[in-house]
Amino acid sequence: MRNGMHLGSDQIQGDTHLANRVPRIEDGLPRRLLTAFEVAELVGCHEESVRRAYLSGQLQRQRFGVRSWRFHPTDVEDWIRRGAPTRIS
C-alpha cells in the first residue's frame, strides 16, 4: 500500500463480487457512461458482441481518454430495443 492508503473490504475480496457491483437493467441504467464490459453485463451478452455492435454501427460510442471508449445509457437502451443479443430468461 502506498502513501498510507487503505483498501476497503470490497477491494480486498477482489473481482469475485464484480458482478454484484454492475447494475442490472431491472434496476435502471446508470446515469454515467458505461464500459463495454458493463454494457455486456447489463444486456446479457459477451463483451465481444458489444464490440461487434459498435464496429458495425449498431451501437454508438464516445471516446473516453486516449485509448478508451464509453457508451451512453440512452444509446444502450436504443440498441436493446432494436434487438441486442440479450440473454434469455
N, C-alpha and C. Protein backbone atom coordinates (compact mmCIF):
# COMPACT_ATOMS: atom_id res chain seq x y z
N MET A 1 0.84 -1.18 0.00
CA MET A 1 0.00 0.00 0.00
C MET A 1 0.88 1.23 0.00
N ARG A 2 0.54 2.17 -0.84
CA ARG A 2 1.31 3.39 -0.95
C ARG A 2 0.69 4.53 -0.17
N ASN A 3 1.52 5.41 0.31
CA ASN A 3 1.10 6.67 0.92
C ASN A 3 0.01 6.49 1.97
N GLY A 4 0.04 5.41 2.68
CA GLY A 4 -0.93 5.21 3.76
C GLY A 4 -2.34 4.93 3.30
N MET A 5 -2.51 4.56 2.02
CA MET A 5 -3.86 4.28 1.52
C MET A 5 -4.29 2.91 2.02
N HIS A 6 -5.53 2.79 2.42
CA HIS A 6 -6.06 1.53 2.91
C HIS A 6 -7.13 1.02 1.95
N LEU A 7 -7.16 -0.27 1.75
CA LEU A 7 -8.15 -0.88 0.88
C LEU A 7 -9.41 -1.16 1.66
N GLY A 8 -10.53 -0.94 1.01
CA GLY A 8 -11.81 -1.28 1.61
C GLY A 8 -12.05 -2.77 1.52
N SER A 9 -13.03 -3.26 2.24
CA SER A 9 -13.29 -4.70 2.25
C SER A 9 -13.68 -5.23 0.87
N ASP A 10 -14.37 -4.39 0.07
CA ASP A 10 -14.75 -4.85 -1.27
C ASP A 10 -13.54 -4.95 -2.19
N GLN A 11 -12.49 -4.16 -1.97
CA GLN A 11 -11.29 -4.23 -2.79
C GLN A 11 -10.42 -5.41 -2.38
N ILE A 12 -10.44 -5.78 -1.13
CA ILE A 12 -9.64 -6.89 -0.65
C ILE A 12 -10.15 -8.20 -1.22
N GLN A 13 -11.45 -8.33 -1.35
CA GLN A 13 -12.03 -9.58 -1.82
C GLN A 13 -11.80 -9.81 -3.30
N GLY A 14 -11.37 -8.82 -4.02
CA GLY A 14 -11.03 -8.99 -5.43
C GLY A 14 -12.24 -8.88 -6.34
N ASP A 15 -12.13 -9.52 -7.49
CA ASP A 15 -13.15 -9.41 -8.52
C ASP A 15 -14.30 -10.39 -8.35
N THR A 16 -14.34 -11.13 -7.27
CA THR A 16 -15.41 -12.11 -7.10
C THR A 16 -16.76 -11.44 -6.95
N HIS A 17 -16.78 -10.21 -6.50
CA HIS A 17 -18.04 -9.51 -6.31
C HIS A 17 -18.28 -8.47 -7.41
N LEU A 18 -17.54 -8.56 -8.51
CA LEU A 18 -17.68 -7.59 -9.60
C LEU A 18 -19.08 -7.60 -10.18
N ALA A 19 -19.65 -8.77 -10.36
CA ALA A 19 -21.00 -8.86 -10.93
C ALA A 19 -22.02 -8.20 -10.02
N ASN A 20 -21.78 -8.19 -8.72
CA ASN A 20 -22.70 -7.54 -7.79
C ASN A 20 -22.64 -6.03 -7.89
N ARG A 21 -21.52 -5.47 -8.37
CA ARG A 21 -21.38 -4.03 -8.47
C ARG A 21 -21.92 -3.48 -9.79
N VAL A 22 -22.08 -4.34 -10.79
CA VAL A 22 -22.60 -3.91 -12.08
C VAL A 22 -24.12 -3.88 -11.99
N PRO A 23 -24.74 -2.73 -12.26
CA PRO A 23 -26.20 -2.66 -12.15
C PRO A 23 -26.88 -3.51 -13.20
N ARG A 24 -28.09 -3.96 -12.90
CA ARG A 24 -28.88 -4.74 -13.84
C ARG A 24 -29.87 -3.83 -14.55
N ILE A 25 -30.40 -4.28 -15.67
CA ILE A 25 -31.37 -3.49 -16.43
C ILE A 25 -32.61 -3.22 -15.59
N GLU A 26 -33.02 -4.21 -14.78
CA GLU A 26 -34.21 -4.04 -13.94
C GLU A 26 -34.04 -2.88 -12.97
N ASP A 27 -32.81 -2.60 -12.57
CA ASP A 27 -32.53 -1.50 -11.65
C ASP A 27 -32.52 -0.17 -12.38
N GLY A 28 -32.57 -0.17 -13.68
CA GLY A 28 -32.43 1.04 -14.48
C GLY A 28 -30.97 1.26 -14.81
N LEU A 29 -30.72 1.81 -15.96
CA LEU A 29 -29.34 2.06 -16.35
C LEU A 29 -28.78 3.23 -15.56
N PRO A 30 -27.50 3.20 -15.24
CA PRO A 30 -26.90 4.31 -14.51
C PRO A 30 -26.84 5.56 -15.38
N ARG A 31 -26.65 6.70 -14.76
CA ARG A 31 -26.61 7.97 -15.49
C ARG A 31 -25.21 8.34 -15.94
N ARG A 32 -24.29 7.43 -15.82
CA ARG A 32 -22.91 7.69 -16.23
C ARG A 32 -22.60 6.90 -17.49
N LEU A 33 -21.47 7.20 -18.10
CA LEU A 33 -21.03 6.45 -19.27
C LEU A 33 -20.62 5.05 -18.85
N LEU A 34 -20.89 4.08 -19.70
CA LEU A 34 -20.65 2.67 -19.39
C LEU A 34 -19.50 2.11 -20.21
N THR A 35 -18.77 1.17 -19.63
CA THR A 35 -17.73 0.46 -20.36
C THR A 35 -18.36 -0.66 -21.18
N ALA A 36 -17.58 -1.22 -22.09
CA ALA A 36 -18.08 -2.35 -22.90
C ALA A 36 -18.41 -3.53 -22.00
N PHE A 37 -17.62 -3.76 -20.97
CA PHE A 37 -17.89 -4.85 -20.04
C PHE A 37 -19.22 -4.63 -19.32
N GLU A 38 -19.47 -3.41 -18.86
CA GLU A 38 -20.72 -3.10 -18.16
C GLU A 38 -21.92 -3.25 -19.09
N VAL A 39 -21.78 -2.82 -20.33
CA VAL A 39 -22.87 -2.96 -21.30
C VAL A 39 -23.16 -4.45 -21.52
N ALA A 40 -22.12 -5.24 -21.67
CA ALA A 40 -22.30 -6.68 -21.88
C ALA A 40 -22.99 -7.33 -20.68
N GLU A 41 -22.62 -6.93 -19.46
CA GLU A 41 -23.26 -7.47 -18.26
C GLU A 41 -24.73 -7.06 -18.19
N LEU A 42 -25.02 -5.81 -18.53
CA LEU A 42 -26.40 -5.32 -18.49
C LEU A 42 -27.28 -6.01 -19.53
N VAL A 43 -26.74 -6.16 -20.72
CA VAL A 43 -27.52 -6.73 -21.82
C VAL A 43 -27.60 -8.24 -21.68
N GLY A 44 -26.53 -8.85 -21.19
CA GLY A 44 -26.50 -10.30 -21.06
C GLY A 44 -25.84 -10.97 -22.24
N CYS A 45 -24.89 -10.30 -22.82
CA CYS A 45 -24.17 -10.88 -23.94
C CYS A 45 -22.67 -10.84 -23.63
N HIS A 46 -21.87 -11.31 -24.55
CA HIS A 46 -20.43 -11.30 -24.38
C HIS A 46 -19.90 -9.91 -24.73
N GLU A 47 -18.80 -9.55 -24.13
CA GLU A 47 -18.17 -8.25 -24.41
C GLU A 47 -17.81 -8.10 -25.88
N GLU A 48 -17.46 -9.19 -26.53
CA GLU A 48 -17.14 -9.16 -27.96
C GLU A 48 -18.36 -8.79 -28.79
N SER A 49 -19.55 -9.17 -28.35
CA SER A 49 -20.78 -8.79 -29.06
C SER A 49 -20.98 -7.29 -29.02
N VAL A 50 -20.62 -6.67 -27.91
CA VAL A 50 -20.71 -5.21 -27.80
C VAL A 50 -19.73 -4.57 -28.77
N ARG A 51 -18.51 -5.08 -28.83
CA ARG A 51 -17.51 -4.55 -29.76
C ARG A 51 -17.97 -4.68 -31.21
N ARG A 52 -18.53 -5.82 -31.54
CA ARG A 52 -19.02 -6.02 -32.91
C ARG A 52 -20.16 -5.06 -33.23
N ALA A 53 -21.00 -4.77 -32.22
CA ALA A 53 -22.12 -3.86 -32.44
C ALA A 53 -21.63 -2.46 -32.75
N TYR A 54 -20.62 -1.97 -32.04
CA TYR A 54 -20.17 -0.61 -32.36
C TYR A 54 -19.31 -0.58 -33.61
N LEU A 55 -18.60 -1.66 -33.93
CA LEU A 55 -17.83 -1.68 -35.17
C LEU A 55 -18.74 -1.72 -36.40
N SER A 56 -19.92 -2.33 -36.25
CA SER A 56 -20.85 -2.41 -37.38
C SER A 56 -21.82 -1.21 -37.41
N GLY A 57 -21.71 -0.32 -36.43
CA GLY A 57 -22.55 0.88 -36.43
C GLY A 57 -23.89 0.71 -35.73
N GLN A 58 -24.13 -0.41 -35.06
CA GLN A 58 -25.39 -0.62 -34.36
C GLN A 58 -25.44 0.08 -33.01
N LEU A 59 -24.28 0.38 -32.44
CA LEU A 59 -24.19 0.98 -31.11
C LEU A 59 -23.20 2.13 -31.17
N GLN A 60 -23.62 3.28 -30.69
CA GLN A 60 -22.77 4.46 -30.68
C GLN A 60 -21.84 4.43 -29.48
N ARG A 61 -20.63 4.94 -29.65
CA ARG A 61 -19.66 5.01 -28.56
C ARG A 61 -19.03 6.40 -28.53
N GLN A 62 -18.39 6.71 -27.41
CA GLN A 62 -17.76 8.00 -27.25
C GLN A 62 -16.34 7.80 -26.74
N ARG A 63 -15.41 8.55 -27.29
CA ARG A 63 -14.02 8.47 -26.85
C ARG A 63 -13.93 8.91 -25.40
N PHE A 64 -13.18 8.15 -24.60
CA PHE A 64 -13.01 8.43 -23.18
C PHE A 64 -11.53 8.28 -22.88
N GLY A 65 -10.82 9.38 -22.83
CA GLY A 65 -9.37 9.31 -22.64
C GLY A 65 -8.67 8.99 -23.95
N VAL A 66 -7.48 8.47 -23.84
CA VAL A 66 -6.67 8.21 -25.02
C VAL A 66 -7.04 6.90 -25.70
N ARG A 67 -7.19 5.82 -24.93
CA ARG A 67 -7.42 4.51 -25.52
C ARG A 67 -8.78 3.91 -25.22
N SER A 68 -9.59 4.61 -24.53
CA SER A 68 -10.82 4.01 -24.01
C SER A 68 -12.05 4.57 -24.71
N TRP A 69 -13.11 3.77 -24.69
CA TRP A 69 -14.41 4.16 -25.23
C TRP A 69 -15.46 3.91 -24.18
N ARG A 70 -16.52 4.72 -24.18
CA ARG A 70 -17.63 4.54 -23.25
C ARG A 70 -18.93 4.68 -24.03
N PHE A 71 -20.02 4.22 -23.41
CA PHE A 71 -21.32 4.20 -24.06
C PHE A 71 -22.33 4.96 -23.22
N HIS A 72 -23.17 5.75 -23.89
CA HIS A 72 -24.25 6.46 -23.22
C HIS A 72 -25.38 5.48 -22.92
N PRO A 73 -25.96 5.55 -21.73
CA PRO A 73 -27.07 4.64 -21.39
C PRO A 73 -28.24 4.72 -22.36
N THR A 74 -28.53 5.92 -22.89
CA THR A 74 -29.64 6.05 -23.85
C THR A 74 -29.35 5.30 -25.14
N ASP A 75 -28.08 5.30 -25.58
CA ASP A 75 -27.70 4.54 -26.77
C ASP A 75 -27.82 3.04 -26.52
N VAL A 76 -27.48 2.61 -25.31
CA VAL A 76 -27.58 1.20 -24.95
C VAL A 76 -29.06 0.77 -24.94
N GLU A 77 -29.92 1.61 -24.35
CA GLU A 77 -31.36 1.30 -24.34
C GLU A 77 -31.91 1.19 -25.75
N ASP A 78 -31.49 2.10 -26.62
CA ASP A 78 -31.93 2.08 -28.02
C ASP A 78 -31.46 0.80 -28.70
N TRP A 79 -30.23 0.39 -28.45
CA TRP A 79 -29.69 -0.84 -29.02
C TRP A 79 -30.47 -2.06 -28.54
N ILE A 80 -30.86 -2.06 -27.27
CA ILE A 80 -31.65 -3.16 -26.73
C ILE A 80 -33.01 -3.22 -27.42
N ARG A 81 -33.65 -2.05 -27.59
CA ARG A 81 -34.96 -2.01 -28.26
C ARG A 81 -34.89 -2.49 -29.70
N ARG A 82 -33.75 -2.24 -30.35
CA ARG A 82 -33.59 -2.64 -31.75
C ARG A 82 -33.15 -4.09 -31.91
N GLY A 83 -32.96 -4.81 -30.81
CA GLY A 83 -32.67 -6.23 -30.95
C GLY A 83 -31.29 -6.66 -30.55
N ALA A 84 -30.74 -6.09 -29.49
CA ALA A 84 -29.44 -6.53 -28.98
C ALA A 84 -29.52 -7.99 -28.57
N PRO A 85 -28.42 -8.72 -28.65
CA PRO A 85 -28.43 -10.15 -28.28
C PRO A 85 -28.53 -10.34 -26.77
N THR A 86 -29.72 -10.18 -26.22
CA THR A 86 -29.90 -10.28 -24.76
C THR A 86 -30.02 -11.73 -24.33
N ARG A 87 -29.77 -11.94 -23.05
CA ARG A 87 -29.87 -13.31 -22.52
C ARG A 87 -31.33 -13.70 -22.38
N ILE A 88 -31.61 -14.94 -22.57
CA ILE A 88 -32.97 -15.45 -22.48
C ILE A 88 -33.22 -15.83 -21.03
N SER A 89 -34.30 -15.28 -20.43
CA SER A 89 -34.60 -15.59 -19.03
C SER A 89 -35.86 -16.41 -18.92
